[in-house]
Amino acid sequence: MEYTRLGTTDIEVSKLCIGCMSFGKAGLMHDWTLDEAESEKVIKHALDLGINFFDTANCYSSGTSEEYLGKAIKNNVARDKVVLASKVYFNDGRLSKEAIAREIDGTLKRLGSDYLDLYIIHRFDFDTPIEETMEALNELVKSGKVRAIGASAMYGYQFYNMQLAAKEHGWTPFSTMENHYNLLYREDERELIPICKQMGVLLMPYSPLAAGHLTRPTWNTDTLRSKTDRVAMGKYDRMEEQDMHIVSRVQELAEKYNCKMSQIAIAWQWAKGIASPIIGVTKETYLDDAVGALDVKLTESDVAYLEEMYVPHPIVGVINQNPKQGVVLLDEKK
């Protein structure tokens, strides 16, 4: 495994992050999540491979993702040997001062820890002043409950304004950005990613494999997730015809380098300056494949070939207003 620094902090993270949306009681959010025992198997295997970075959220499977992660960490590794991230937003009060103070305590209780390494705001809150949010997050850092803060899926100007508010008031700035980014969705290359790089913010995109579409030569498969993940369908299906040209090129390069398609997709992320893409896995073998991507080195011409067929996509992930209270699954195909 290889490691990097979490933004400008002294926190060291693996160049792969485990996305914990795959863990939790099935039916509370998704039908395909792993139960507690299977979740621990995957987490233990990740630890064995040298992965120390785990990303969950207060809303994943009604908090059971955090519970499963916390128990697995306690059973298998010292707390100070891992970097745990969780998120706040899909809850009562969104990113208000009161909500942040309440939700961090719930997250820490479910994780069984007295601190969180990285606290991420899950979306931009249109109802709460950014100064209120940034001050509340800064208070968590001052109190020792949180070591660093991050943001997720938002417009570049929103992220910039929040960073500016932190700078103007001497508050803790964001160290990470968890945005939607992969070979099939590159809209953030216009604004958000350049802003993050300018500010020394670590990039840890979610969905680097485009919900599996970059791992196989066909668009769909017969897995439970492929059949039931209506969020993935809503994010990707409308651009299937155009995006299959890119999928075909991923397959070509996988054959050229005698590796898995997923490894080409992940190697492309690192070639683009991504620090730690978030890999959501339901099988231990998927972890082995992801780590194997470290051995795949793409040339500049490889990267250009993979990117050549991309066309602008509808915005997915970023929101233009707060969803109705209780709505967690955005972009869901109805």
C-alpha atoms as a PDB file:
ATOM      1  CA  MET A   1       0.000   0.000   0.000  1.00  0.00           C
ATOM      2  CA  GLU A   2       1.050   3.591  -0.602  1.00  0.00           C
ATOM      3  CA  TYR A   3       0.113   6.540   1.608  1.00  0.00           C
ATOM      4  CA  THR A   4      -0.358  10.290   1.390  1.00  0.00           C
ATOM      5  CA  ARG A   5      -1.159  13.246   3.645  1.00  0.00           C
ATOM      6  CA  LEU A   6      -4.729  14.305   4.248  1.00  0.00           C
ATOM      7  CA  GLY A   7      -4.579  17.775   2.726  1.00  0.00           C
ATOM      8  CA  THR A   8      -2.282  20.042   4.730  1.00  0.00           C
ATOM      9  CA  THR A   9      -2.764  18.034   7.947  1.00  0.00           C
ATOM     10  CA  ASP A  10      -0.318  15.517   9.439  1.00  0.00           C
ATOM     11  CA  ILE A  11      -2.868  12.701   9.076  1.00  0.00           C
ATOM     12  CA  GLU A  12      -1.548   9.877   6.887  1.00  0.00           C
ATOM     13  CA  VAL A  13      -4.067   7.980   4.747  1.00  0.00           C
ATOM     14  CA  SER A  14      -3.837   5.084   2.313  1.00  0.00           C
ATOM     15  CA  LYS A  15      -4.229   5.888  -1.387  1.00  0.00           C
ATOM     16  CA  LEU A  16      -7.458   3.907  -1.319  1.00  0.00           C
ATOM     17  CA  CYS A  17     -10.377   4.677   0.967  1.00  0.00           C
ATOM     18  CA  ILE A  18     -13.055   2.118   1.817  1.00  0.00           C
ATOM     19  CA  GLY A  19     -16.567   3.441   1.252  1.00  0.00           C
ATOM     20  CA  CYS A  20     -18.827   2.053   3.958  1.00  0.00           C
ATOM     21  CA  MET A  21     -22.182   2.579   2.264  1.00  0.00           C
ATOM     22  CA  SER A  22     -21.856  -1.142   1.425  1.00  0.00           C
ATOM     23  CA  PHE A  23     -22.097  -1.985   5.135  1.00  0.00           C
ATOM     24  CA  GLY A  24     -25.291  -1.899   7.183  1.00  0.00           C
ATOM     25  CA  LYS A  25     -28.613  -3.577   7.710  1.00  0.00           C
ATOM     26  CA  ALA A  26     -30.180  -4.347   4.325  1.00  0.00           C
ATOM     27  CA  GLY A  27     -33.489  -2.676   3.508  1.00  0.00           C
ATOM     28  CA  LEU A  28     -32.902   0.462   5.571  1.00  0.00           C
ATOM     29  CA  MET A  29     -31.262   2.242   2.619  1.00  0.00           C
ATOM     30  CA  HIS A  30     -30.202  -0.329   0.016  1.00  0.00           C
ATOM     31  CA  ASP A  31     -31.128  -3.994  -0.436  1.00  0.00           C
ATOM     32  CA  TRP A  32     -27.572  -5.104  -1.262  1.00  0.00           C
ATOM     33  CA  THR A  33     -25.629  -4.025   1.852  1.00  0.00           C
ATOM     34  CA  LEU A  34     -23.548  -6.502   3.884  1.00  0.00           C
ATOM     35  CA  ASP A  35     -24.582  -7.690   7.341  1.00  0.00           C
ATOM     36  CA  GLU A  36     -22.362  -7.193  10.395  1.00  0.00           C
ATOM     37  CA  ALA A  37     -20.320 -10.401   9.991  1.00  0.00           C
ATOM     38  CA  GLU A  38     -19.722  -9.939   6.250  1.00  0.00           C
ATOM     39  CA  SER A  39     -18.894  -6.257   6.774  1.00  0.00           C
ATOM     40  CA  GLU A  40     -16.225  -7.182   9.314  1.00  0.00           C
ATOM     41  CA  LYS A  41     -14.679  -9.701   6.907  1.00  0.00           C
ATOM     42  CA  VAL A  42     -14.275  -7.019   4.246  1.00  0.00           C
ATOM     43  CA  ILE A  43     -12.968  -4.434   6.744  1.00  0.00           C
ATOM     44  CA  LYS A  44     -10.459  -6.905   8.184  1.00  0.00           C
ATOM     45  CA  HIS A  45      -9.231  -7.768   4.694  1.00  0.00           C
ATOM     46  CA  ALA A  46      -8.810  -4.057   3.918  1.00  0.00           C
ATOM     47  CA  LEU A  47      -6.713  -3.659   7.072  1.00  0.00           C
ATOM     48  CA  ASP A  48      -4.604  -6.681   6.087  1.00  0.00           C
ATOM     49  CA  LEU A  49      -3.908  -5.000   2.743  1.00  0.00           C
ATOM     50  CA  GLY A  50      -2.650  -1.843   4.477  1.00  0.00           C
ATOM     51  CA  ILE A  51      -5.762   0.270   3.895  1.00  0.00           C
ATOM     52  CA  ASN A  52      -6.296   2.566   6.898  1.00  0.00           C
ATOM     53  CA  PHE A  53      -8.925   5.021   5.561  1.00  0.00           C
ATOM     54  CA  PHE A  54     -12.678   4.376   5.985  1.00  0.00           C
ATOM     55  CA  ASP A  55     -15.555   6.670   4.980  1.00  0.00           C
ATOM     56  CA  THR A  56     -19.101   6.319   6.299  1.00  0.00           C
ATOM     57  CA  ALA A  57     -22.036   8.628   7.134  1.00  0.00           C
ATOM     58  CA  ASN A  58     -24.678   9.113   9.793  1.00  0.00           C
ATOM     59  CA  CYS A  59     -27.392   8.319   7.228  1.00  0.00           C
ATOM     60  CA  TYR A  60     -25.977   5.108   5.770  1.00  0.00           C
ATOM     61  CA  SER A  61     -28.482   2.362   6.560  1.00  0.00           C
ATOM     62  CA  SER A  62     -29.898   4.412   9.441  1.00  0.00           C
ATOM     63  CA  GLY A  63     -26.609   4.504  11.315  1.00  0.00           C
ATOM     64  CA  THR A  64     -25.924   0.766  11.162  1.00  0.00           C
ATOM     65  CA  SER A  65     -22.989   1.372   8.787  1.00  0.00           C
ATOM     66  CA  GLU A  66     -21.248   3.381  11.512  1.00  0.00           C
ATOM     67  CA  GLU A  67     -22.091   0.699  14.082  1.00  0.00           C
ATOM     68  CA  TYR A  68     -20.709  -2.141  11.934  1.00  0.00           C
ATOM     69  CA  LEU A  69     -17.552  -0.157  11.127  1.00  0.00           C
ATOM     70  CA  GLY A  70     -16.958   0.768  14.758  1.00  0.00           C
ATOM     71  CA  LYS A  71     -17.286  -2.821  15.978  1.00  0.00           C
ATOM     72  CA  ALA A  72     -15.041  -4.180  13.233  1.00  0.00           C
ATOM     73  CA  ILE A  73     -12.331  -1.621  14.011  1.00  0.00           C
ATOM     74  CA  LYS A  74     -12.512  -2.384  17.741  1.00  0.00           C
ATOM     75  CA  ASN A  75     -12.157  -6.116  17.055  1.00  0.00           C
ATOM     76  CA  ASN A  76      -9.245  -5.896  14.623  1.00  0.00           C
ATOM     77  CA  VAL A  77      -6.993  -2.851  15.048  1.00  0.00           C
ATOM     78  CA  ALA A  78      -5.952  -0.101  17.457  1.00  0.00           C
ATOM     79  CA  ARG A  79      -8.082   3.011  16.999  1.00  0.00           C
ATOM     80  CA  ASP A  80      -5.071   5.275  16.361  1.00  0.00           C
ATOM     81  CA  LYS A  81      -3.955   3.104  13.430  1.00  0.00           C
ATOM     82  CA  VAL A  82      -6.966   3.983  11.283  1.00  0.00           C
ATOM     83  CA  VAL A  83      -8.495   7.168   9.866  1.00  0.00           C
ATOM     84  CA  LEU A  84     -12.272   7.229  10.214  1.00  0.00           C
ATOM     85  CA  ALA A  85     -14.435   9.698   8.293  1.00  0.00           C
ATOM     86  CA  SER A  86     -18.167  10.265   8.624  1.00  0.00           C
ATOM     87  CA  LYS A  87     -20.644  12.791   7.310  1.00  0.00           C
ATOM     88  CA  VAL A  88     -23.458  15.100   8.396  1.00  0.00           C
ATOM     89  CA  TYR A  89     -26.351  16.716   6.461  1.00  0.00           C
ATOM     90  CA  PHE A  90     -29.127  14.172   5.827  1.00  0.00           C
ATOM     91  CA  ASN A  91     -30.567  14.756   9.296  1.00  0.00           C
ATOM     92  CA  ASP A  92     -32.892  17.109  11.144  1.00  0.00           C
ATOM     93  CA  GLY A  93     -31.504  20.637  11.048  1.00  0.00           C
ATOM     94  CA  ARG A  94     -29.044  19.850   8.225  1.00  0.00           C
ATOM     95  CA  LEU A  95     -25.854  21.827   9.005  1.00  0.00           C
ATOM     96  CA  SER A  96     -27.127  24.097  11.734  1.00  0.00           C
ATOM     97  CA  LYS A  97     -25.045  24.594  14.863  1.00  0.00           C
ATOM     98  CA  GLU A  98     -27.476  22.507  16.910  1.00  0.00           C
ATOM     99  CA  ALA A  99     -27.626  19.704  14.347  1.00  0.00           C
ATOM    100  CA  ILE A 100     -23.847  19.424  13.994  1.00  0.00           C
ATOM    101  CA  ALA A 101     -23.359  19.313  17.786  1.00  0.00           C
ATOM    102  CA  ARG A 102     -26.044  16.622  18.094  1.00  0.00           C
ATOM    103  CA  GLU A 103     -25.040  14.504  15.119  1.00  0.00           C
ATOM    104  CA  ILE A 104     -21.338  14.268  15.949  1.00  0.00           C
ATOM    105  CA  ASP A 105     -22.237  12.790  19.329  1.00  0.00           C
ATOM    106  CA  GLY A 106     -24.484  10.204  17.676  1.00  0.00           C
ATOM    107  CA  THR A 107     -21.768   9.303  15.175  1.00  0.00           C
ATOM    108  CA  LEU A 108     -19.106   8.902  17.875  1.00  0.00           C
ATOM    109  CA  LYS A 109     -21.435   6.735  19.951  1.00  0.00           C
ATOM    110  CA  ARG A 110     -22.197   4.439  17.017  1.00  0.00           C
ATOM    111  CA  LEU A 111     -18.507   4.208  16.096  1.00  0.00           C
ATOM    112  CA  GLY A 112     -17.533   3.559  19.702  1.00  0.00           C
ATOM    113  CA  SER A 113     -14.871   6.270  19.584  1.00  0.00           C
ATOM    114  CA  ASP A 114     -14.292   9.501  21.477  1.00  0.00           C
ATOM    115  CA  TYR A 115     -13.036  11.312  18.375  1.00  0.00           C
ATOM    116  CA  LEU A 116     -13.440  11.343  14.593  1.00  0.00           C
ATOM    117  CA  ASP A 117     -10.502  11.862  12.268  1.00  0.00           C
ATOM    118  CA  LEU A 118     -12.455  13.544   9.477  1.00  0.00           C
ATOM    119  CA  TYR A 119     -15.947  15.087   9.588  1.00  0.00           C
ATOM    120  CA  ILE A 120     -17.462  15.821   6.186  1.00  0.00           C
ATOM    121  CA  ILE A 121     -20.508  17.906   5.304  1.00  0.00           C
ATOM    122  CA  HIS A 122     -22.467  15.627   2.968  1.00  0.00           C
ATOM    123  CA  ARG A 123     -23.997  18.413   0.846  1.00  0.00           C
ATOM    124  CA  PHE A 124     -24.308  22.213   0.819  1.00  0.00           C
ATOM    125  CA  ASP A 125     -27.047  23.463   3.139  1.00  0.00           C
ATOM    126  CA  PHE A 126     -29.174  26.180   1.503  1.00  0.00           C
ATOM    127  CA  ASP A 127     -30.971  27.028   4.749  1.00  0.00           C
ATOM    128  CA  THR A 128     -28.082  27.575   7.174  1.00  0.00           C
ATOM    129  CA  PRO A 129     -25.633  30.516   6.924  1.00  0.00           C
ATOM    130  CA  ILE A 130     -22.198  29.217   5.971  1.00  0.00           C
ATOM    131  CA  GLU A 131     -20.641  31.113   8.888  1.00  0.00           C
ATOM    132  CA  GLU A 132     -22.824  29.180  11.327  1.00  0.00           C
ATOM    133  CA  THR A 133     -21.757  25.866   9.800  1.00  0.00           C
ATOM    134  CA  MET A 134     -18.059  26.681   9.634  1.00  0.00           C
ATOM    135  CA  GLU A 135     -17.990  27.999  13.204  1.00  0.00           C
ATOM    136  CA  ALA A 136     -19.787  24.881  14.474  1.00  0.00           C
ATOM    137  CA  LEU A 137     -17.275  22.625  12.687  1.00  0.00           C
ATOM    138  CA  ASN A 138     -14.405  24.692  14.070  1.00  0.00           C
ATOM    139  CA  GLU A 139     -15.769  24.203  17.589  1.00  0.00           C
ATOM    140  CA  LEU A 140     -15.643  20.428  17.087  1.00  0.00           C
ATOM    141  CA  VAL A 141     -11.975  20.660  16.131  1.00  0.00           C
ATOM    142  CA  LYS A 142     -11.208  22.904  19.122  1.00  0.00           C
ATOM    143  CA  SER A 143     -12.975  20.477  21.469  1.00  0.00           C
ATOM    144  CA  GLY A 144     -10.976  17.500  20.183  1.00  0.00           C
ATOM    145  CA  LYS A 145     -14.007  15.611  18.901  1.00  0.00           C
ATOM    146  CA  VAL A 146     -12.829  16.042  15.303  1.00  0.00           C
ATOM    147  CA  ARG A 147      -9.293  16.217  13.882  1.00  0.00           C
ATOM    148  CA  ALA A 148     -10.049  17.596  10.402  1.00  0.00           C
ATOM    149  CA  ILE A 149     -13.051  18.614   8.317  1.00  0.00           C
ATOM    150  CA  GLY A 150     -14.074  18.047   4.726  1.00  0.00           C
ATOM    151  CA  ALA A 151     -16.829  18.760   2.229  1.00  0.00           C
ATOM    152  CA  SER A 152     -18.685  16.742  -0.389  1.00  0.00           C
ATOM    153  CA  ALA A 153     -20.508  17.272  -3.698  1.00  0.00           C
ATOM    154  CA  MET A 154     -21.155  20.988  -4.199  1.00  0.00           C
ATOM    155  CA  TYR A 155     -20.503  23.751  -6.697  1.00  0.00           C
ATOM    156  CA  GLY A 156     -17.069  25.329  -6.824  1.00  0.00           C
ATOM    157  CA  TYR A 157     -18.310  28.756  -5.737  1.00  0.00           C
ATOM    158  CA  GLN A 158     -20.012  27.239  -2.674  1.00  0.00           C
ATOM    159  CA  PHE A 159     -16.848  25.454  -1.591  1.00  0.00           C
ATOM    160  CA  TYR A 160     -14.770  28.591  -2.194  1.00  0.00           C
ATOM    161  CA  ASN A 161     -17.144  30.742  -0.149  1.00  0.00           C
ATOM    162  CA  MET A 162     -17.047  28.321   2.781  1.00  0.00           C
ATOM    163  CA  GLN A 163     -13.253  28.216   2.679  1.00  0.00           C
ATOM    164  CA  LEU A 164     -13.195  32.005   2.524  1.00  0.00           C
ATOM    165  CA  ALA A 165     -15.461  32.261   5.584  1.00  0.00           C
ATOM    166  CA  ALA A 166     -13.101  29.978   7.507  1.00  0.00           C
ATOM    167  CA  LYS A 167     -10.078  32.044   6.480  1.00  0.00           C
ATOM    168  CA  GLU A 168     -11.703  35.375   7.353  1.00  0.00           C
ATOM    169  CA  HIS A 169     -12.656  34.206  10.856  1.00  0.00           C
ATOM    170  CA  GLY A 170      -9.566  32.125  11.616  1.00  0.00           C
ATOM    171  CA  TRP A 171     -11.603  28.914  11.662  1.00  0.00           C
ATOM    172  CA  THR A 172     -10.518  25.441  10.526  1.00  0.00           C
ATOM    173  CA  PRO A 173     -10.715  25.132   6.714  1.00  0.00           C
ATOM    174  CA  PHE A 174     -11.736  22.041   4.786  1.00  0.00           C
ATOM    175  CA  SER A 175      -8.890  19.582   4.172  1.00  0.00           C
ATOM    176  CA  THR A 176     -10.726  17.216   1.822  1.00  0.00           C
ATOM    177  CA  MET A 177     -13.295  17.125  -0.967  1.00  0.00           C
ATOM    178  CA  GLU A 178     -15.446  14.047  -1.586  1.00  0.00           C
ATOM    179  CA  ASN A 179     -17.058  14.681  -4.955  1.00  0.00           C
ATOM    180  CA  HIS A 180     -18.565  12.616  -7.761  1.00  0.00           C
ATOM    181  CA  TYR A 181     -15.755  11.904 -10.217  1.00  0.00           C
ATOM    182  CA  ASN A 182     -14.863   9.093 -12.615  1.00  0.00           C
ATOM    183  CA  LEU A 183     -14.219   8.432 -16.300  1.00  0.00           C
ATOM    184  CA  LEU A 184     -17.973   8.630 -16.969  1.00  0.00           C
ATOM    185  CA  TYR A 185     -18.548  11.821 -14.949  1.00  0.00           C
ATOM    186  CA  ARG A 186     -15.977  14.620 -15.145  1.00  0.00           C
ATOM    187  CA  GLU A 187     -18.032  17.787 -14.737  1.00  0.00           C
ATOM    188  CA  ASP A 188     -16.030  18.964 -11.700  1.00  0.00           C
ATOM    189  CA  GLU A 189     -12.914  19.390 -13.850  1.00  0.00           C
ATOM    190  CA  ARG A 190     -14.233  22.843 -14.801  1.00  0.00           C
ATOM    191  CA  GLU A 191     -14.310  24.523 -11.384  1.00  0.00           C
ATOM    192  CA  LEU A 192     -14.340  22.441  -8.205  1.00  0.00           C
ATOM    193  CA  ILE A 193     -11.258  20.290  -8.761  1.00  0.00           C
ATOM    194  CA  PRO A 194      -8.994  23.211  -9.819  1.00  0.00           C
ATOM    195  CA  ILE A 195     -10.127  25.158  -6.723  1.00  0.00           C
ATOM    196  CA  CYS A 196      -9.312  22.185  -4.494  1.00  0.00           C
ATOM    197  CA  LYS A 197      -5.872  21.726  -6.042  1.00  0.00           C
ATOM    198  CA  GLN A 198      -5.175  25.448  -5.679  1.00  0.00           C
ATOM    199  CA  MET A 199      -6.042  25.233  -1.968  1.00  0.00           C
ATOM    200  CA  GLY A 200      -4.089  22.041  -1.247  1.00  0.00           C
ATOM    201  CA  VAL A 201      -7.310  20.128  -0.537  1.00  0.00           C
ATOM    202  CA  LEU A 202      -7.105  16.319  -0.772  1.00  0.00           C
ATOM    203  CA  LEU A 203      -9.397  14.815  -3.407  1.00  0.00           C
ATOM    204  CA  MET A 204     -11.229  11.625  -2.351  1.00  0.00           C
ATOM    205  CA  PRO A 205     -13.952  11.098  -4.968  1.00  0.00           C
ATOM    206  CA  TYR A 206     -16.854   8.734  -4.511  1.00  0.00           C
ATOM    207  CA  SER A 207     -18.031   6.333  -7.237  1.00  0.00           C
ATOM    208  CA  PRO A 208     -14.626   6.036  -8.998  1.00  0.00           C
ATOM    209  CA  LEU A 209     -15.898   2.906 -10.752  1.00  0.00           C
ATOM    210  CA  ALA A 210     -19.238   4.484 -11.737  1.00  0.00           C
ATOM    211  CA  ALA A 211     -21.298   1.967  -9.752  1.00  0.00           C
ATOM    212  CA  GLY A 212     -19.555  -0.916 -11.519  1.00  0.00           C
ATOM    213  CA  HIS A 213     -19.977   0.342 -15.083  1.00  0.00           C
ATOM    214  CA  LEU A 214     -16.185   0.729 -15.410  1.00  0.00           C
ATOM    215  CA  THR A 215     -15.537  -2.839 -14.227  1.00  0.00           C
ATOM    216  CA  ARG A 216     -17.168  -4.844 -17.033  1.00  0.00           C
ATOM    217  CA  PRO A 217     -17.646  -4.637 -20.827  1.00  0.00           C
ATOM    218  CA  THR A 218     -21.453  -4.741 -20.549  1.00  0.00           C
ATOM    219  CA  TRP A 219     -23.606  -1.985 -19.050  1.00  0.00           C
ATOM    220  CA  ASN A 220     -25.621  -4.237 -16.734  1.00  0.00           C
ATOM    221  CA  THR A 221     -25.002  -7.496 -14.910  1.00  0.00           C
ATOM    222  CA  ASP A 222     -27.088  -9.942 -12.898  1.00  0.00           C
ATOM    223  CA  THR A 223     -25.842  -8.895  -9.430  1.00  0.00           C
ATOM    224  CA  LEU A 224     -28.329  -7.825  -6.780  1.00  0.00           C
ATOM    225  CA  ARG A 225     -26.911  -4.306  -6.805  1.00  0.00           C
ATOM    226  CA  SER A 226     -27.146  -3.955 -10.577  1.00  0.00           C
ATOM    227  CA  LYS A 227     -30.785  -5.054 -10.443  1.00  0.00           C
ATOM    228  CA  THR A 228     -31.884  -2.979  -7.433  1.00  0.00           C
ATOM    229  CA  ASP A 229     -29.625   0.106  -7.125  1.00  0.00           C
ATOM    230  CA  ARG A 230     -32.014   2.730  -8.447  1.00  0.00           C
ATOM    231  CA  VAL A 231     -29.665   5.532  -7.380  1.00  0.00           C
ATOM    232  CA  ALA A 232     -26.947   4.161  -9.672  1.00  0.00           C
ATOM    233  CA  MET A 233     -29.531   3.842 -12.445  1.00  0.00           C
ATOM    234  CA  GLY A 234     -30.544   7.466 -11.964  1.00  0.00           C
ATOM    235  CA  LYS A 235     -26.935   8.628 -12.016  1.00  0.00           C
ATOM    236  CA  TYR A 236     -25.760   6.781 -15.097  1.00  0.00           C
ATOM    237  CA  ASP A 237     -28.412   5.113 -17.267  1.00  0.00           C
ATOM    238  CA  ARG A 238     -29.453   8.186 -19.263  1.00  0.00           C
ATOM    239  CA  MET A 239     -25.923   8.479 -20.743  1.00  0.00           C
ATOM    240  CA  GLU A 240     -25.439   4.763 -21.439  1.00  0.00           C
ATOM    241  CA  GLU A 241     -25.147   5.087 -25.235  1.00  0.00           C
ATOM    242  CA  GLN A 242     -22.406   7.736 -25.079  1.00  0.00           C
ATOM    243  CA  ASP A 243     -20.583   6.254 -22.101  1.00  0.00           C
ATOM    244  CA  MET A 244     -20.279   2.753 -23.531  1.00  0.00           C
ATOM    245  CA  HIS A 245     -17.646   4.176 -25.897  1.00  0.00           C
ATOM    246  CA  ILE A 246     -15.536   5.015 -22.836  1.00  0.00           C
ATOM    247  CA  VAL A 247     -16.239   1.643 -21.217  1.00  0.00           C
ATOM    248  CA  SER A 248     -14.971  -0.041 -24.396  1.00  0.00           C
ATOM    249  CA  ARG A 249     -11.718   1.897 -24.220  1.00  0.00           C
ATOM    250  CA  VAL A 250     -11.249   0.904 -20.580  1.00  0.00           C
ATOM    251  CA  GLN A 251     -11.656  -2.710 -21.705  1.00  0.00           C
ATOM    252  CA  GLU A 252      -9.084  -2.200 -24.487  1.00  0.00           C
ATOM    253  CA  LEU A 253      -6.463  -0.852 -22.093  1.00  0.00           C
ATOM    254  CA  ALA A 254      -7.199  -3.605 -19.576  1.00  0.00           C
ATOM    255  CA  GLU A 255      -6.394  -6.135 -22.285  1.00  0.00           C
ATOM    256  CA  LYS A 256      -3.280  -4.178 -23.269  1.00  0.00           C
ATOM    257  CA  TYR A 257      -1.933  -4.181 -19.698  1.00  0.00           C
ATOM    258  CA  ASN A 258      -3.311  -7.633 -18.827  1.00  0.00           C
ATOM    259  CA  CYS A 259      -5.232  -6.294 -15.841  1.00  0.00           C
ATOM    260  CA  LYS A 260      -8.799  -5.733 -14.643  1.00  0.00           C
ATOM    261  CA  MET A 261     -10.941  -2.928 -16.052  1.00  0.00           C
ATOM    262  CA  SER A 262     -11.415  -1.620 -12.514  1.00  0.00           C
ATOM    263  CA  GLN A 263      -7.646  -1.249 -12.206  1.00  0.00           C
ATOM    264  CA  ILE A 264      -7.517   0.942 -15.312  1.00  0.00           C
ATOM    265  CA  ALA A 265     -10.297   3.152 -13.912  1.00  0.00           C
ATOM    266  CA  ILE A 266      -8.542   3.527 -10.553  1.00  0.00           C
ATOM    267  CA  ALA A 267      -5.102   4.075 -12.116  1.00  0.00           C
ATOM    268  CA  TRP A 268      -6.665   6.878 -14.178  1.00  0.00           C
ATOM    269  CA  GLN A 269      -7.793   8.553 -10.934  1.00  0.00           C
ATOM    270  CA  TRP A 270      -4.249   8.596  -9.559  1.00  0.00           C
ATOM    271  CA  ALA A 271      -2.928   9.823 -12.918  1.00  0.00           C
ATOM    272  CA  LYS A 272      -5.330  12.776 -12.589  1.00  0.00           C
ATOM    273  CA  GLY A 273      -3.954  13.764  -9.175  1.00  0.00           C
ATOM    274  CA  ILE A 274      -6.636  12.106  -7.066  1.00  0.00           C
ATOM    275  CA  ALA A 275      -5.237  11.219  -3.636  1.00  0.00           C
ATOM    276  CA  SER A 276      -7.565   8.512  -2.332  1.00  0.00           C
ATOM    277  CA  PRO A 277     -10.563   7.340  -4.383  1.00  0.00           C
ATOM    278  CA  ILE A 278     -13.338   5.778  -2.322  1.00  0.00           C
ATOM    279  CA  ILE A 279     -13.912   2.128  -3.179  1.00  0.00           C
ATOM    280  CA  GLY A 280     -17.227   0.581  -2.167  1.00  0.00           C
ATOM    281  CA  VAL A 281     -16.880  -3.190  -2.012  1.00  0.00           C
ATOM    282  CA  THR A 282     -19.122  -6.162  -1.229  1.00  0.00           C
ATOM    283  CA  LYS A 283     -16.473  -8.847  -1.838  1.00  0.00           C
ATOM    284  CA  GLU A 284     -12.910  -9.231  -0.557  1.00  0.00           C
ATOM    285  CA  THR A 285     -11.651  -9.966  -4.083  1.00  0.00           C
ATOM    286  CA  TYR A 286     -12.710  -6.467  -5.177  1.00  0.00           C
ATOM    287  CA  LEU A 287     -10.251  -5.100  -2.609  1.00  0.00           C
ATOM    288  CA  ASP A 288      -7.450  -7.226  -4.031  1.00  0.00           C
ATOM    289  CA  ASP A 289      -8.246  -5.857  -7.482  1.00  0.00           C
ATOM    290  CA  ALA A 290      -8.238  -2.261  -6.225  1.00  0.00           C
ATOM    291  CA  VAL A 291      -4.866  -2.616  -4.504  1.00  0.00           C
ATOM    292  CA  GLY A 292      -3.494  -4.251  -7.646  1.00  0.00           C
ATOM    293  CA  ALA A 293      -4.173  -0.999  -9.489  1.00  0.00           C
ATOM    294  CA  LEU A 294      -1.072   0.423  -7.796  1.00  0.00           C
ATOM    295  CA  ASP A 295       0.968  -1.645 -10.252  1.00  0.00           C
ATOM    296  CA  VAL A 296      -0.767  -0.143 -13.299  1.00  0.00           C
ATOM    297  CA  LYS A 297       0.975   2.958 -14.649  1.00  0.00           C
ATOM    298  CA  LEU A 298      -0.888   4.760 -17.419  1.00  0.00           C
ATOM    299  CA  THR A 299       0.972   6.889 -19.955  1.00  0.00           C
ATOM    300  CA  GLU A 300      -0.173  10.366 -21.002  1.00  0.00           C
ATOM    301  CA  SER A 301      -1.420   8.897 -24.272  1.00  0.00           C
ATOM    302  CA  ASP A 302      -3.384   6.241 -22.333  1.00  0.00           C
ATOM    303  CA  VAL A 303      -5.070   8.965 -20.293  1.00  0.00           C
ATOM    304  CA  ALA A 304      -5.878  10.988 -23.408  1.00  0.00           C
ATOM    305  CA  TYR A 305      -7.303   7.902 -25.126  1.00  0.00           C
ATOM    306  CA  LEU A 306      -9.572   7.154 -22.148  1.00  0.00           C
ATOM    307  CA  GLU A 307     -10.814  10.749 -22.017  1.00  0.00           C
ATOM    308  CA  GLU A 308     -11.266  11.417 -25.725  1.00  0.00           C
ATOM    309  CA  MET A 309     -14.868  10.175 -26.055  1.00  0.00           C
ATOM    310  CA  TYR A 310     -16.239  12.098 -23.059  1.00  0.00           C
ATOM    311  CA  VAL A 311     -19.162  14.462 -23.649  1.00  0.00           C
ATOM    312  CA  PRO A 312     -20.705  16.919 -21.162  1.00  0.00           C
ATOM    313  CA  HIS A 313     -23.095  15.232 -18.729  1.00  0.00           C
ATOM    314  CA  PRO A 314     -26.120  16.421 -16.753  1.00  0.00           C
ATOM    315  CA  ILE A 315     -25.072  17.453 -13.237  1.00  0.00           C
ATOM    316  CA  VAL A 316     -25.341  14.511 -10.824  1.00  0.00           C
ATOM    317  CA  GLY A 317     -24.590  14.607  -7.113  1.00  0.00           C
ATOM    318  CA  VAL A 318     -24.654  18.362  -6.578  1.00  0.00           C
ATOM    319  CA  ILE A 319     -28.025  19.762  -5.457  1.00  0.00           C
ATOM    320  CA  ASN A 320     -29.703  23.097  -6.202  1.00  0.00           C
ATOM    321  CA  GLN A 321     -31.867  23.084  -3.072  1.00  0.00           C
ATOM    322  CA  ASN A 322     -32.236  21.039   0.085  1.00  0.00           C
ATOM    323  CA  PRO A 323     -34.317  17.899  -0.528  1.00  0.00           C
ATOM    324  CA  LYS A 324     -37.398  17.251   1.562  1.00  0.00           C
ATOM    325  CA  GLN A 325     -36.629  16.134   5.094  1.00  0.00           C
ATOM    326  CA  GLY A 326     -36.128  12.377   5.225  1.00  0.00           C
ATOM    327  CA  VAL A 327     -34.958  12.054   1.615  1.00  0.00           C
ATOM    328  CA  VAL A 328     -31.517  10.419   1.503  1.00  0.00           C
ATOM    329  CA  LEU A 329     -31.385   8.708  -1.894  1.00  0.00           C
ATOM    330  CA  LEU A 330     -30.750  11.504  -4.383  1.00  0.00           C
ATOM    331  CA  ASP A 331     -30.877  11.028  -8.173  1.00  0.00           C
ATOM    332  CA  GLU A 332     -32.956   7.873  -7.699  1.00  0.00           C
ATOM    333  CA  LYS A 333     -34.501   6.496 -10.904  1.00  0.00           C
ATOM    334  CA  LYS A 334     -38.269   6.399 -10.404  1.00  0.00           C
END
